Amino acid sequence: MAELVILNIPSDLSERMHRLAQAGDEAAERWFQELWSEYPGPFECFLCGAEIEKQGRLATLAVPDRPAKKGHKPQMMISLICAACVGLPPMVRWNRAIRMVKRMHGRQFNFRLAGRR
């Protein structure tokens, strides 16, 4: 039975590691793969619910969690997505992610996905 695993990590760490992994840093890539090492798998895709086997390179999706309380760092929710969802156009992928987060936190939950300009 597939298990949906959602990890919370500080947003500054998530942004830094995503940026390094996209630039081809092997240590950052290894860090993302090690996030899932303590879970036996198979995993469930965050966006479509498909089963993901624990083999090869795993694709992750990071979305903002609820706004942080005063004195706490903002958090990101990180979960796995399947190869079919990775291949979706970015607008479709983010539309599904936003819809899922709003189901989890309520319709009034608003956040910005836009990067720094």
C-alpha atoms as a PDB file:
ATOM      1  CA  MET A   1       0.000   0.000   0.000  1.00  0.00           C
ATOM      2  CA  ALA A   2       1.402   3.360  -1.055  1.00  0.00           C
ATOM      3  CA  GLU A   3       2.008   5.945   1.665  1.00  0.00           C
ATOM      4  CA  LEU A   4       1.743   9.719   1.208  1.00  0.00           C
ATOM      5  CA  VAL A   5       4.724  11.228   3.032  1.00  0.00           C
ATOM      6  CA  ILE A   6       4.861  14.983   3.608  1.00  0.00           C
ATOM      7  CA  LEU A   7       7.934  16.406   5.315  1.00  0.00           C
ATOM      8  CA  ASN A   8       8.211  19.882   6.845  1.00  0.00           C
ATOM      9  CA  ILE A   9      11.520  21.689   6.580  1.00  0.00           C
ATOM     10  CA  PRO A  10      12.476  25.371   6.981  1.00  0.00           C
ATOM     11  CA  SER A  11      11.774  27.344   3.820  1.00  0.00           C
ATOM     12  CA  ASP A  12      15.247  28.904   3.650  1.00  0.00           C
ATOM     13  CA  LEU A  13      16.841  25.426   3.673  1.00  0.00           C
ATOM     14  CA  SER A  14      14.390  24.182   1.048  1.00  0.00           C
ATOM     15  CA  GLU A  15      15.034  27.129  -1.274  1.00  0.00           C
ATOM     16  CA  ARG A  16      18.806  26.837  -0.906  1.00  0.00           C
ATOM     17  CA  MET A  17      18.873  23.082  -1.557  1.00  0.00           C
ATOM     18  CA  HIS A  18      16.495  23.346  -4.545  1.00  0.00           C
ATOM     19  CA  ARG A  19      18.650  26.086  -6.048  1.00  0.00           C
ATOM     20  CA  LEU A  20      21.834  24.027  -5.557  1.00  0.00           C
ATOM     21  CA  ALA A  21      20.247  20.842  -6.937  1.00  0.00           C
ATOM     22  CA  GLN A  22      19.012  22.682 -10.043  1.00  0.00           C
ATOM     23  CA  ALA A  23      22.549  23.987 -10.570  1.00  0.00           C
ATOM     24  CA  GLY A  24      23.827  20.395 -10.580  1.00  0.00           C
ATOM     25  CA  ASP A  25      25.304  20.172  -7.075  1.00  0.00           C
ATOM     26  CA  GLU A  26      25.641  16.451  -6.278  1.00  0.00           C
ATOM     27  CA  ALA A  27      25.604  16.998  -2.494  1.00  0.00           C
ATOM     28  CA  ALA A  28      22.235  18.791  -2.705  1.00  0.00           C
ATOM     29  CA  GLU A  29      20.850  16.061  -4.963  1.00  0.00           C
ATOM     30  CA  ARG A  30      22.027  13.410  -2.517  1.00  0.00           C
ATOM     31  CA  TRP A  31      20.437  15.380   0.371  1.00  0.00           C
ATOM     32  CA  PHE A  32      17.034  15.244  -1.370  1.00  0.00           C
ATOM     33  CA  GLN A  33      17.356  11.503  -1.975  1.00  0.00           C
ATOM     34  CA  GLU A  34      18.355  10.907   1.667  1.00  0.00           C
ATOM     35  CA  LEU A  35      15.197  12.665   2.898  1.00  0.00           C
ATOM     36  CA  TRP A  36      13.271   9.554   1.909  1.00  0.00           C
ATOM     37  CA  SER A  37      15.807   6.942   3.103  1.00  0.00           C
ATOM     38  CA  GLU A  38      14.049   6.164   6.395  1.00  0.00           C
ATOM     39  CA  TYR A  39      10.720   5.442   4.694  1.00  0.00           C
ATOM     40  CA  PRO A  40      10.317   1.966   3.189  1.00  0.00           C
ATOM     41  CA  GLY A  41       8.045   2.929   0.276  1.00  0.00           C
ATOM     42  CA  PRO A  42       6.192   2.593  -1.999  1.00  0.00           C
ATOM     43  CA  PHE A  43       5.104   6.218  -1.921  1.00  0.00           C
ATOM     44  CA  GLU A  44       2.006   8.011  -3.166  1.00  0.00           C
ATOM     45  CA  CYS A  45       2.273  10.963  -5.557  1.00  0.00           C
ATOM     46  CA  PHE A  46       1.215  14.223  -3.869  1.00  0.00           C
ATOM     47  CA  LEU A  47      -0.612  15.447  -6.979  1.00  0.00           C
ATOM     48  CA  CYS A  48      -2.345  12.427  -8.512  1.00  0.00           C
ATOM     49  CA  GLY A  49      -2.102   9.608  -5.967  1.00  0.00           C
ATOM     50  CA  ALA A  50      -0.161   7.245  -8.248  1.00  0.00           C
ATOM     51  CA  GLU A  51       2.174   4.738  -6.628  1.00  0.00           C
ATOM     52  CA  ILE A  52       5.901   5.548  -6.746  1.00  0.00           C
ATOM     53  CA  GLU A  53       8.473   2.812  -6.212  1.00  0.00           C
ATOM     54  CA  LYS A  54      11.555   3.639  -4.181  1.00  0.00           C
ATOM     55  CA  GLN A  55      14.165   3.240  -6.884  1.00  0.00           C
ATOM     56  CA  GLY A  56      16.318   5.618  -8.868  1.00  0.00           C
ATOM     57  CA  ARG A  57      15.957   9.368  -8.621  1.00  0.00           C
ATOM     58  CA  LEU A  58      12.880  10.596  -6.744  1.00  0.00           C
ATOM     59  CA  ALA A  59      11.263  13.915  -7.768  1.00  0.00           C
ATOM     60  CA  THR A  60      10.107  16.274  -5.024  1.00  0.00           C
ATOM     61  CA  LEU A  61       7.650  19.141  -4.878  1.00  0.00           C
ATOM     62  CA  ALA A  62       7.893  21.869  -2.220  1.00  0.00           C
ATOM     63  CA  VAL A  63       4.911  24.062  -1.340  1.00  0.00           C
ATOM     64  CA  PRO A  64       4.505  26.589   1.500  1.00  0.00           C
ATOM     65  CA  ASP A  65       2.959  25.413   4.738  1.00  0.00           C
ATOM     66  CA  ARG A  66       0.737  27.603   6.916  1.00  0.00           C
ATOM     67  CA  PRO A  67       2.141  31.026   7.815  1.00  0.00           C
ATOM     68  CA  ALA A  68       4.662  30.746  10.638  1.00  0.00           C
ATOM     69  CA  LYS A  69       3.791  31.910  14.130  1.00  0.00           C
ATOM     70  CA  LYS A  70       5.707  34.827  15.524  1.00  0.00           C
ATOM     71  CA  GLY A  71       9.271  33.801  16.349  1.00  0.00           C
ATOM     72  CA  HIS A  72       9.202  30.658  14.167  1.00  0.00           C
ATOM     73  CA  LYS A  73      10.718  30.106  10.734  1.00  0.00           C
ATOM     74  CA  PRO A  74       8.381  29.625   7.757  1.00  0.00           C
ATOM     75  CA  GLN A  75       8.087  25.970   6.735  1.00  0.00           C
ATOM     76  CA  MET A  76       7.784  24.185   3.411  1.00  0.00           C
ATOM     77  CA  MET A  77       5.947  20.924   2.835  1.00  0.00           C
ATOM     78  CA  ILE A  78       8.006  18.550   0.697  1.00  0.00           C
ATOM     79  CA  SER A  79       6.487  15.493  -0.922  1.00  0.00           C
ATOM     80  CA  LEU A  80       7.223  13.164  -3.807  1.00  0.00           C
ATOM     81  CA  ILE A  81       5.620  13.374  -7.237  1.00  0.00           C
ATOM     82  CA  CYS A  82       5.523  10.735  -9.959  1.00  0.00           C
ATOM     83  CA  ALA A  83       7.213  10.927 -13.367  1.00  0.00           C
ATOM     84  CA  ALA A  84       3.887  11.664 -15.090  1.00  0.00           C
ATOM     85  CA  CYS A  85       3.329  14.724 -12.862  1.00  0.00           C
ATOM     86  CA  VAL A  86       6.913  15.906 -13.376  1.00  0.00           C
ATOM     87  CA  GLY A  87       6.192  15.863 -17.103  1.00  0.00           C
ATOM     88  CA  LEU A  88       3.095  18.054 -16.781  1.00  0.00           C
ATOM     89  CA  PRO A  89       3.305  21.690 -17.890  1.00  0.00           C
ATOM     90  CA  PRO A  90       4.350  23.848 -14.906  1.00  0.00           C
ATOM     91  CA  MET A  91       1.017  25.734 -14.795  1.00  0.00           C
ATOM     92  CA  VAL A  92      -0.949  22.479 -14.563  1.00  0.00           C
ATOM     93  CA  ARG A  93       1.418  21.063 -11.936  1.00  0.00           C
ATOM     94  CA  TRP A  94       1.168  24.214  -9.762  1.00  0.00           C
ATOM     95  CA  ASN A  95      -2.603  24.397 -10.208  1.00  0.00           C
ATOM     96  CA  ARG A  96      -2.900  20.868  -8.812  1.00  0.00           C
ATOM     97  CA  ALA A  97      -0.487  21.665  -5.970  1.00  0.00           C
ATOM     98  CA  ILE A  98      -2.374  24.822  -4.982  1.00  0.00           C
ATOM     99  CA  ARG A  99      -5.691  22.978  -5.091  1.00  0.00           C
ATOM    100  CA  MET A 100      -4.298  20.221  -2.844  1.00  0.00           C
ATOM    101  CA  VAL A 101      -2.861  22.680  -0.297  1.00  0.00           C
ATOM    102  CA  LYS A 102      -6.145  24.594  -0.175  1.00  0.00           C
ATOM    103  CA  ARG A 103      -7.962  21.327   0.550  1.00  0.00           C
ATOM    104  CA  MET A 104      -5.543  20.680   3.397  1.00  0.00           C
ATOM    105  CA  HIS A 105      -5.559  24.168   4.947  1.00  0.00           C
ATOM    106  CA  GLY A 106      -8.936  25.579   3.881  1.00  0.00           C
ATOM    107  CA  ARG A 107     -10.073  27.731   0.981  1.00  0.00           C
ATOM    108  CA  GLN A 108      -9.004  30.976   2.673  1.00  0.00           C
ATOM    109  CA  PHE A 109      -5.355  29.903   2.685  1.00  0.00           C
ATOM    110  CA  ASN A 110      -3.356  32.194   0.393  1.00  0.00           C
ATOM    111  CA  PHE A 111       0.317  32.081  -0.475  1.00  0.00           C
ATOM    112  CA  ARG A 112       2.672  33.301  -3.164  1.00  0.00           C
ATOM    113  CA  LEU A 113       4.700  30.904  -5.285  1.00  0.00           C
ATOM    114  CA  ALA A 114       6.475  33.646  -7.219  1.00  0.00           C
ATOM    115  CA  GLY A 115      10.219  33.766  -6.770  1.00  0.00           C
ATOM    116  CA  ARG A 116      12.255  36.829  -6.009  1.00  0.00           C
ATOM    117  CA  ARG A 117      12.680  39.208  -8.929  1.00  0.00           C
END
